Every structure is written in C-alpha cells, then in structure tokens.
Amino acid sequence: MKIIIAPDSFKESLSAIEAANAIASGVKLACPDADIHCIPMADGGEGTVLAIAQNTHSELIQSRITNALDSPVQAQWALIKDSQTAVIEMASAAGLEQISPAERDIFHASTYGVGLLILEALNHNVRHIILGLGGSATNDGGAGMAAALGVRFLNKNRQELAPNPAGLLHLDSIDLSGLDKRLAHITFTLASDVGNPLCGNNGASAIFGPQKGASAEQVKLLDKTLGHYAAHVSATLGKNYSHEPGSGAAGGLGFGAMAFLQAQFRSGVEIVSEFTGLAQLMQNATLVFTGEGKFDAQTLQGKTLAGIASLAQKHQVPVIVIAGALGDNYQALYSKGITAAFSLSNGPMTLQDSMANTAQLLSDRSQDIMRTFLAKR
C-alpha cells in the first residue's frame, strides 16, 4: 500500500517536514507495512527552499542580511550545484513572522533584504534564481529589493528616498544607472500562487495589508502610494506591469521583480512538485494525506493543497486533508479532488493548545483516518 504524505507547513506550529513526519507516525501505527513517501510541500512561501533542496544536489547557505525593518537576521537559501540555480524565499528576508505584532510597521518595512540575498546568489555565479513569494511583512512594490540591487528612488530635489511606502510617497524620479550589470545575464522565476494585481480592490494593499496590521485608512494610503510608485516605474521603463496577475504578490514584490528583473511567474506548487517528483509518485498510489493550518474556500485560489488535489485527481488517487481549522465553504474543494477533510481537534480546545500539540494531534488523526480507510478494504 503506497501512501503519499505531502502537507504544507502549519504556520507558527510545524514546518512541512515536521507535519509530514507527524502524519507518517500515525499512518505507521495503523498500517506498519505501508510504503510511505513523505514529500513536504510549499507554494513559494515558507518551506520552499527546504522542499526543493532535499530533493536536489543542493548546498544550504546561511547569509547574514537584514529583515523588513532593517534588523540583522540569518537567512537560508539553496544553491543547486548541477544547474547553477539559487532558490530564495523572500519570507526569510522580509517575512511577517520575523517581526513581533507589536513591532510591525508596514509603512517602514521594505524588501531590501531580499535584494541582499539576490546579491549573495550573484556572488556564487548562478544563472537562474527561483524567488519564492509569500509571507511578507512588506508593501513596498519591490522597491527595497531594487534599491539593494542598485536602483535609486529620488524626490524632486534629487535626494534619495527610503525604499518603503513612507519614502515612496515622495517619489519623483528613478535612477537605474547603478543597477547591478550581472542581472542582465540571470533568469528569474517567481514561485507563487497569488494572482492579485498590484493596486485596486483586489490588490496587494487591500487584500493583504490588513493581515500585516494596516487599518482601513492606511490601506487606502498604501494603495495610493503603490499606484504613484507604479506610474513612475512604468514611465521609467516604458511598460506597465501593475495589472499583471501576480504583481500584487508579497506586497507587490511580484511587480518589482517583473519590472526590474524581467522575472516570469510560475505556480509555486508546480515548481516544488517538479523538483520533488510528486507527479511520478502519484502513479499507483493508494492514498494521499495533506494538510495546512486553515482549510477553506481560499484554498481554491492556487494554494498548495489545491495543486496537490489537482495532481491527485489526474491519477485518480483519493486525498485526505487534515487541517488546524476548517473554514467557510471548505466543502467546495470536494469537487476539486479532495476526498474528505478533518480538523485536528479531538474536542473543545483553545487555539494555543491546538498549536502547542499539533504534532500529536496530526499523528492521532492520521491513525484514526487510516484505520477507517483500512476497515473498508
């Protein structure tokens, strides 16, 4: 019996690897002879580097850079040695979870650290960079990243501005003369499953700003600032990327990467699936277990579990979801390849208790589900 275990991370509780191991422990208790394949998954956000690195001939490299608020952090990225490819997670350099709720300041947050990681990769003579988008603390349209790579953002007095929303409010011109020349020889792939444009009611500020602490009034100002910034970028480059699907990903980093790096978008789930060989493993599989922190209708919007379900559906393999919480209209995914979904909880408990005991709860639920599955055979 071939069982594939391919969860995403359970944010602030377990990494995708830890979640996979917890589910595997429960499956083994119910079916000791099962042929288990643990494939930790990601969609461009947290866990993407490790998911790809563990399935390739890669070196994991630690780089000391700065986070979204310019504090020093250690960021891990992967160098795939046989293809001159670097894999970078923007969340490791400008992630929301790196900053405590009390310290979050979206107007002064930037993606400068992401640019520093790109420079690190350039110093290793790579020719291709996969940049995972997701989990950002920023709303700077990728200006911070561009500044680290040599772009200067200037006010009407030709003074250099901080590459964050507070600075971009006063943007008057953009100087590209210092952009690192090595970038012309690099191809960039953006790994993301967010299709939002940069601005508007479905843009980066409106949809993701509140998650980063922005009030309703601040969202309006942030959206106005991104529109002002995008107009200057478009005038400078002669092309407008602000309406492109995905330009609003990671606080607009998608826009900045398309504009300044000529980056191309691809589904993060598809990229990770290719490196992990998930499609091949689906052949002749008996059952797939997956999971994430919250499972709801939004999962349909290109998230990891939707990608896994689509792949499993092609191979006619049933898919079981175990989630921290089942949200509104999660049943909509039953027509998209999900066979059944279960909550972690085994009774009334607080969110804190659930998060503290996620590994054990995953093991318990997977054992229960596996025993039920076996009883029907």
Protein backbone atom coordinates (compact mmCIF):
# COMPACT_ATOMS: atom_id res chain seq x y z
CA MET A 1 0.00 0.00 0.00
CA LYS A 2 1.60 3.22 -1.22
CA ILE A 3 0.82 6.27 0.92
CA ILE A 4 1.97 9.77 -0.04
CA ILE A 5 2.20 12.35 2.73
CA ALA A 6 2.53 15.85 1.27
CA PRO A 7 1.50 18.61 3.69
CA ASP A 8 2.24 22.31 3.70
CA SER A 9 3.52 23.91 6.90
CA PHE A 10 1.23 24.59 9.86
CA LYS A 11 2.23 28.21 10.41
CA GLU A 12 3.71 29.00 13.82
CA SER A 13 3.36 25.32 14.78
CA LEU A 14 5.16 22.87 12.47
CA SER A 15 7.24 23.04 9.33
CA ALA A 16 6.07 20.96 6.38
CA ILE A 17 8.76 18.37 7.19
CA GLU A 18 7.63 18.11 10.80
CA ALA A 19 3.99 17.86 9.75
CA ALA A 20 4.81 15.07 7.28
CA ASN A 21 6.68 13.12 9.94
CA ALA A 22 3.81 13.50 12.41
CA ILE A 23 1.25 12.23 9.91
CA ALA A 24 3.58 9.36 8.95
CA SER A 25 3.84 8.27 12.58
CA GLY A 26 0.06 7.88 12.80
CA VAL A 27 -0.17 6.04 9.49
CA LYS A 28 2.54 3.59 10.63
CA LEU A 29 0.66 2.85 13.84
CA ALA A 30 -2.42 1.89 11.83
CA CYS A 31 -0.56 0.20 8.97
CA PRO A 32 3.04 -0.79 9.84
CA ASP A 33 3.67 -2.26 6.38
CA ALA A 34 2.60 0.81 4.42
CA ASP A 35 5.01 2.10 1.77
CA ILE A 36 5.17 5.72 2.96
CA HIS A 37 6.60 8.61 0.94
CA CYS A 38 6.96 11.92 2.83
CA ILE A 39 7.04 14.90 0.45
CA PRO A 40 6.96 18.21 2.37
CA MET A 41 5.32 20.81 0.14
CA ALA A 42 5.22 24.58 -0.32
CA ASP A 43 3.83 27.09 -2.82
CA GLY A 44 6.64 29.65 -2.85
CA GLY A 45 6.32 30.69 0.78
CA GLU A 46 7.94 29.27 3.88
CA GLY A 47 9.42 25.82 3.31
CA THR A 48 10.07 26.19 -0.42
CA VAL A 49 13.86 26.22 -0.05
CA LEU A 50 13.94 23.06 2.07
CA ALA A 51 11.36 21.25 -0.08
CA ILE A 52 13.48 21.77 -3.18
CA ALA A 53 16.88 21.36 -1.52
CA GLN A 54 16.17 17.95 -0.05
CA ASN A 55 15.26 16.60 -3.48
CA THR A 56 18.24 18.03 -5.38
CA HIS A 57 22.02 18.13 -5.15
CA SER A 58 21.94 21.37 -3.18
CA GLU A 59 24.00 23.27 -0.65
CA LEU A 60 22.10 25.17 2.02
CA ILE A 61 23.78 28.52 2.62
CA GLN A 62 23.31 30.87 5.56
CA SER A 63 23.59 34.58 4.79
CA ARG A 64 23.52 37.42 7.30
CA ILE A 65 21.24 40.13 5.95
CA THR A 66 18.50 42.45 7.26
CA ASN A 67 14.80 41.86 7.73
CA ALA A 68 11.92 44.08 6.66
CA LEU A 69 12.67 46.62 9.40
CA ASP A 70 16.44 46.58 8.88
CA SER A 71 17.34 44.35 11.84
CA PRO A 72 20.04 41.70 11.26
CA VAL A 73 18.81 38.16 10.52
CA GLN A 74 20.22 34.89 9.22
CA ALA A 75 18.54 33.77 6.01
CA GLN A 76 18.87 30.32 4.47
CA TRP A 77 18.84 29.75 0.73
CA ALA A 78 19.75 26.85 -1.54
CA LEU A 79 22.35 26.55 -4.28
CA ILE A 80 21.51 23.73 -6.70
CA LYS A 81 25.02 22.84 -7.76
CA ASP A 82 24.44 20.99 -11.01
CA SER A 83 22.25 23.71 -12.56
CA GLN A 84 23.72 27.00 -11.30
CA THR A 85 20.33 27.74 -9.72
CA ALA A 86 19.61 29.54 -6.47
CA VAL A 87 16.37 29.11 -4.53
CA ILE A 88 15.40 32.02 -2.30
CA GLU A 89 12.38 32.58 -0.04
CA MET A 90 11.52 36.24 0.30
CA ALA A 91 9.96 35.42 3.70
CA SER A 92 13.42 34.61 5.07
CA ALA A 93 14.47 38.20 4.36
CA ALA A 94 11.25 40.19 4.72
CA GLY A 95 8.85 37.82 6.45
CA LEU A 96 5.97 38.83 8.67
CA GLU A 97 6.68 36.12 11.22
CA GLN A 98 10.18 37.54 11.82
CA ILE A 99 8.63 40.62 13.41
CA SER A 100 6.52 40.60 16.58
CA PRO A 101 2.99 42.03 16.24
CA ALA A 102 3.91 44.96 18.47
CA GLU A 103 6.83 45.94 16.20
CA ARG A 104 5.16 45.59 12.79
CA ASP A 105 5.27 48.81 10.76
CA ILE A 106 4.13 48.34 7.18
CA PHE A 107 4.96 51.93 6.14
CA HIS A 108 8.64 51.50 7.03
CA ALA A 109 9.02 47.84 6.02
CA SER A 110 10.92 47.01 2.84
CA THR A 111 12.23 44.13 0.76
CA TYR A 112 15.82 45.41 0.90
CA GLY A 113 16.96 42.13 2.48
CA VAL A 114 15.56 40.21 -0.50
CA GLY A 115 17.85 42.22 -2.76
CA LEU A 116 20.78 41.40 -0.47
CA LEU A 117 20.00 37.68 -0.85
CA ILE A 118 19.92 38.07 -4.64
CA LEU A 119 23.37 39.71 -4.45
CA GLU A 120 24.59 36.74 -2.39
CA ALA A 121 23.36 34.40 -5.12
CA LEU A 122 25.04 36.51 -7.82
CA ASN A 123 28.31 36.21 -5.92
CA HIS A 124 28.01 32.42 -6.33
CA ASN A 125 27.86 32.78 -10.12
CA VAL A 126 24.33 31.46 -10.54
CA ARG A 127 22.49 31.77 -13.83
CA HIS A 128 18.93 31.16 -12.63
CA ILE A 129 17.18 32.34 -9.46
CA ILE A 130 13.89 30.93 -8.19
CA LEU A 131 12.36 33.52 -5.88
CA GLY A 132 9.57 32.27 -3.64
CA LEU A 133 6.92 34.86 -2.82
CA GLY A 134 4.80 34.62 0.29
CA GLY A 135 4.58 35.52 3.96
CA SER A 136 5.80 39.09 3.52
CA ALA A 137 5.75 41.91 6.06
CA THR A 138 6.06 44.46 3.26
CA ASN A 139 4.00 46.58 0.90
CA ASP A 140 6.80 48.35 -1.00
CA GLY A 141 6.21 47.03 -4.52
CA GLY A 142 9.69 45.50 -4.53
CA ALA A 143 11.36 48.92 -4.20
CA GLY A 144 13.57 47.73 -1.34
CA MET A 145 14.81 44.79 -3.38
CA ALA A 146 15.53 47.07 -6.32
CA ALA A 147 17.40 49.54 -4.08
CA ALA A 148 19.70 46.78 -2.79
CA LEU A 149 20.46 45.92 -6.41
CA GLY A 150 21.44 49.50 -7.26
CA VAL A 151 18.23 51.35 -8.19
CA ARG A 152 17.86 54.82 -6.65
CA PHE A 153 14.48 56.36 -5.80
CA LEU A 154 14.63 60.17 -5.68
CA ASN A 155 12.43 63.06 -4.57
CA LYS A 156 12.00 66.30 -6.52
CA ASN A 157 15.27 67.63 -5.02
CA ARG A 158 17.17 64.56 -6.30
CA GLN A 159 17.58 63.30 -2.74
CA GLU A 160 17.49 59.54 -2.26
CA LEU A 161 14.38 58.17 -0.57
CA ALA A 162 14.00 55.19 1.73
CA PRO A 163 12.60 52.36 -0.45
CA ASN A 164 9.49 51.84 1.66
CA PRO A 165 5.92 53.22 1.50
CA ALA A 166 6.80 56.20 3.70
CA GLY A 167 9.57 57.19 1.30
CA LEU A 168 7.77 56.30 -1.93
CA LEU A 169 5.03 58.81 -1.11
CA HIS A 170 7.54 61.48 -2.20
CA LEU A 171 8.89 59.68 -5.28
CA ASP A 172 9.66 61.97 -8.21
CA SER A 173 12.16 60.03 -10.33
CA ILE A 174 14.03 56.72 -10.60
CA ASP A 175 17.72 56.29 -11.43
CA LEU A 176 18.59 52.91 -12.97
CA SER A 177 22.25 53.69 -13.71
CA GLY A 178 23.54 51.75 -10.70
CA LEU A 179 21.55 48.56 -11.31
CA ASP A 180 23.90 45.58 -10.99
CA LYS A 181 25.04 44.69 -14.51
CA ARG A 182 25.21 40.97 -13.68
CA LEU A 183 21.41 40.85 -13.55
CA ALA A 184 21.25 41.08 -17.34
CA HIS A 185 22.64 37.53 -17.52
CA ILE A 186 20.26 35.98 -14.93
CA THR A 187 16.83 34.48 -15.49
CA PHE A 188 14.33 34.85 -12.64
CA THR A 189 11.35 32.64 -11.89
CA LEU A 190 8.81 33.78 -9.33
CA ALA A 191 7.30 30.87 -7.42
CA SER A 192 3.87 31.99 -6.26
CA ASP A 193 0.24 31.02 -6.38
CA VAL A 194 -1.11 34.54 -5.77
CA GLY A 195 -2.70 36.11 -8.84
CA ASN A 196 -3.61 39.55 -7.45
CA PRO A 197 -2.72 42.74 -9.34
CA LEU A 198 -0.69 45.48 -7.66
CA CYS A 199 -3.44 48.00 -6.95
CA GLY A 200 -7.19 48.30 -6.53
CA ASN A 201 -9.83 46.41 -4.57
CA ASN A 202 -8.10 43.11 -5.26
CA GLY A 203 -4.57 44.46 -4.99
CA ALA A 204 -1.70 43.98 -2.57
CA SER A 205 -2.78 46.67 -0.10
CA ALA A 206 -6.49 45.88 0.02
CA ILE A 207 -6.19 42.11 0.25
CA PHE A 208 -3.01 41.59 2.24
CA GLY A 209 -2.45 44.92 4.03
CA PRO A 210 -4.86 44.16 6.91
CA GLN A 211 -3.01 40.89 7.59
CA LYS A 212 0.12 42.99 8.15
CA GLY A 213 -1.54 45.39 10.58
CA ALA A 214 -2.83 48.11 8.24
CA SER A 215 -6.05 49.90 9.17
CA ALA A 216 -8.74 50.69 6.60
CA GLU A 217 -7.41 54.25 6.20
CA GLN A 218 -3.83 53.01 5.93
CA VAL A 219 -4.86 50.55 3.22
CA LYS A 220 -6.16 53.45 1.12
CA LEU A 221 -2.89 55.36 1.54
CA LEU A 222 -0.79 52.28 0.81
CA ASP A 223 -2.76 51.60 -2.37
CA LYS A 224 -2.39 55.23 -3.46
CA THR A 225 1.36 55.04 -2.80
CA LEU A 226 1.76 51.87 -4.85
CA GLY A 227 -0.17 53.46 -7.70
CA HIS A 228 2.10 56.53 -7.59
CA TYR A 229 5.18 54.30 -7.49
CA ALA A 230 3.93 52.08 -10.33
CA ALA A 231 3.28 55.12 -12.53
CA HIS A 232 6.91 56.26 -12.11
CA VAL A 233 8.27 52.77 -12.71
CA SER A 234 6.15 52.44 -15.85
CA ALA A 235 7.25 55.84 -17.15
CA THR A 236 10.89 54.95 -16.50
CA LEU A 237 10.78 51.51 -18.10
CA GLY A 238 8.21 52.15 -20.80
CA LYS A 239 5.97 49.29 -19.70
CA ASN A 240 3.26 48.92 -17.07
CA TYR A 241 3.33 45.69 -15.06
CA SER A 242 0.87 46.75 -12.36
CA HIS A 243 -2.10 44.93 -13.91
CA GLU A 244 -0.23 41.68 -14.49
CA PRO A 245 -1.56 38.69 -12.50
CA GLY A 246 0.72 38.20 -9.51
CA SER A 247 2.10 41.74 -9.49
CA GLY A 248 0.48 42.18 -6.07
CA ALA A 249 2.10 39.07 -4.60
CA ALA A 250 4.25 39.56 -1.48
CA GLY A 251 3.28 43.20 -1.02
CA GLY A 252 3.99 43.98 -4.66
CA LEU A 253 7.36 42.26 -4.83
CA GLY A 254 5.93 40.44 -7.84
CA PHE A 255 5.59 43.80 -9.58
CA GLY A 256 9.13 44.88 -8.71
CA ALA A 257 10.63 41.59 -9.86
CA MET A 258 8.77 41.69 -13.17
CA ALA A 259 9.68 45.32 -13.77
CA PHE A 260 13.34 45.41 -12.70
CA LEU A 261 14.38 41.77 -13.18
CA GLN A 262 12.16 40.66 -16.08
CA ALA A 263 11.02 37.79 -13.87
CA GLN A 264 8.49 35.23 -15.08
CA PHE A 265 5.71 33.81 -12.90
CA ARG A 266 5.09 30.12 -12.37
CA SER A 267 2.89 28.21 -9.97
CA GLY A 268 4.87 27.58 -6.80
CA VAL A 269 3.16 24.25 -6.27
CA GLU A 270 4.07 23.14 -9.78
CA ILE A 271 7.71 24.10 -9.30
CA VAL A 272 8.02 22.27 -5.99
CA SER A 273 6.15 19.26 -7.41
CA GLU A 274 8.62 19.02 -10.28
CA PHE A 275 11.64 19.05 -8.01
CA THR A 276 10.10 16.52 -5.60
CA GLY A 277 8.88 14.16 -8.33
CA LEU A 278 5.39 14.22 -6.84
CA ALA A 279 3.65 13.51 -10.15
CA GLN A 280 5.65 10.33 -10.65
CA LEU A 281 4.97 9.22 -7.08
CA MET A 282 1.23 9.63 -7.62
CA GLN A 283 1.29 6.76 -10.08
CA ASN A 284 -0.16 3.66 -8.43
CA ALA A 285 -0.54 5.46 -5.08
CA THR A 286 -3.27 4.25 -2.74
CA LEU A 287 -3.91 7.40 -0.73
CA VAL A 288 -2.59 10.95 -0.27
CA PHE A 289 -2.50 12.79 3.04
CA THR A 290 -2.02 16.55 3.02
CA GLY A 291 -2.74 19.42 5.38
CA GLU A 292 -2.26 23.04 6.40
CA GLY A 293 -3.19 25.43 9.18
CA LYS A 294 -6.55 26.51 7.77
CA PHE A 295 -8.53 24.82 5.03
CA ASP A 296 -11.30 26.87 3.43
CA ALA A 297 -12.62 28.21 0.15
CA GLN A 298 -9.49 30.37 -0.26
CA THR A 299 -7.51 27.18 -0.73
CA LEU A 300 -9.04 27.13 -4.21
CA GLN A 301 -7.00 30.22 -5.08
CA GLY A 302 -3.91 28.32 -6.13
CA LYS A 303 -2.72 27.29 -2.69
CA THR A 304 -0.59 24.19 -2.06
CA LEU A 305 -3.46 21.85 -1.27
CA ALA A 306 -5.38 22.80 -4.40
CA GLY A 307 -2.34 21.94 -6.50
CA ILE A 308 -1.90 18.59 -4.79
CA ALA A 309 -5.59 17.80 -5.21
CA SER A 310 -5.46 18.61 -8.91
CA LEU A 311 -2.47 16.34 -9.40
CA ALA A 312 -4.05 13.50 -7.44
CA GLN A 313 -7.30 13.87 -9.36
CA LYS A 314 -5.44 13.26 -12.63
CA HIS A 315 -4.16 9.98 -11.20
CA GLN A 316 -7.49 9.09 -9.51
CA VAL A 317 -5.93 8.95 -6.04
CA PRO A 318 -8.09 9.87 -3.02
CA VAL A 319 -6.87 12.85 -0.97
CA ILE A 320 -7.35 13.33 2.76
CA VAL A 321 -6.84 16.77 4.32
CA ILE A 322 -6.03 17.29 7.99
CA ALA A 323 -6.17 20.97 8.94
CA GLY A 324 -5.83 23.07 12.04
CA ALA A 325 -9.23 24.54 11.25
CA LEU A 326 -11.93 24.00 8.64
CA GLY A 327 -13.15 27.38 7.41
CA ASP A 328 -16.14 28.63 5.48
CA ASN A 329 -17.16 26.62 2.42
CA TYR A 330 -14.24 24.18 2.62
CA GLN A 331 -16.56 21.60 1.07
CA ALA A 332 -16.18 23.44 -2.25
CA LEU A 333 -12.90 21.58 -2.70
CA TYR A 334 -14.65 18.22 -2.71
CA SER A 335 -15.33 18.78 -6.41
CA LYS A 336 -11.65 19.68 -6.99
CA GLY A 337 -10.05 16.41 -5.95
CA ILE A 338 -10.33 16.44 -2.15
CA THR A 339 -12.00 13.28 -0.86
CA ALA A 340 -12.52 14.36 2.76
CA ALA A 341 -11.26 16.94 5.25
CA PHE A 342 -10.78 16.66 9.00
CA SER A 343 -9.96 19.09 11.78
CA LEU A 344 -7.06 18.45 14.16
CA SER A 345 -9.11 18.97 17.28
CA ASN A 346 -10.33 15.94 19.21
CA GLY A 347 -12.57 18.07 21.41
CA PRO A 348 -13.00 21.61 22.70
CA MET A 349 -9.61 23.32 22.98
CA THR A 350 -8.07 26.74 22.61
CA LEU A 351 -6.07 27.79 19.58
CA GLN A 352 -2.98 27.92 21.78
CA ASP A 353 -3.49 24.33 22.93
CA SER A 354 -4.04 23.16 19.37
CA MET A 355 -0.87 24.89 18.15
CA ALA A 356 1.17 23.56 21.05
CA ASN A 357 0.07 19.97 20.36
CA THR A 358 -0.15 19.96 16.56
CA ALA A 359 2.30 17.08 16.06
CA GLN A 360 0.49 14.72 18.42
CA LEU A 361 -2.92 15.73 17.08
CA LEU A 362 -1.75 15.10 13.50
CA SER A 363 -0.48 11.68 14.48
CA ASP A 364 -3.74 10.83 16.25
CA ARG A 365 -5.98 11.98 13.40
CA SER A 366 -3.94 10.23 10.71
CA GLN A 367 -4.06 6.99 12.68
CA ASP A 368 -7.85 7.28 13.10
CA ILE A 369 -8.34 8.03 9.40
CA MET A 370 -6.02 5.24 8.28
CA ARG A 371 -7.79 2.70 10.48
CA THR A 372 -11.13 3.74 8.97
CA PHE A 373 -9.70 3.51 5.46
CA LEU A 374 -8.33 0.02 6.12
CA ALA A 375 -11.62 -1.19 7.59
CA LYS A 376 -13.27 -0.68 4.17
CA ARG A 377 -10.74 -2.81 2.31
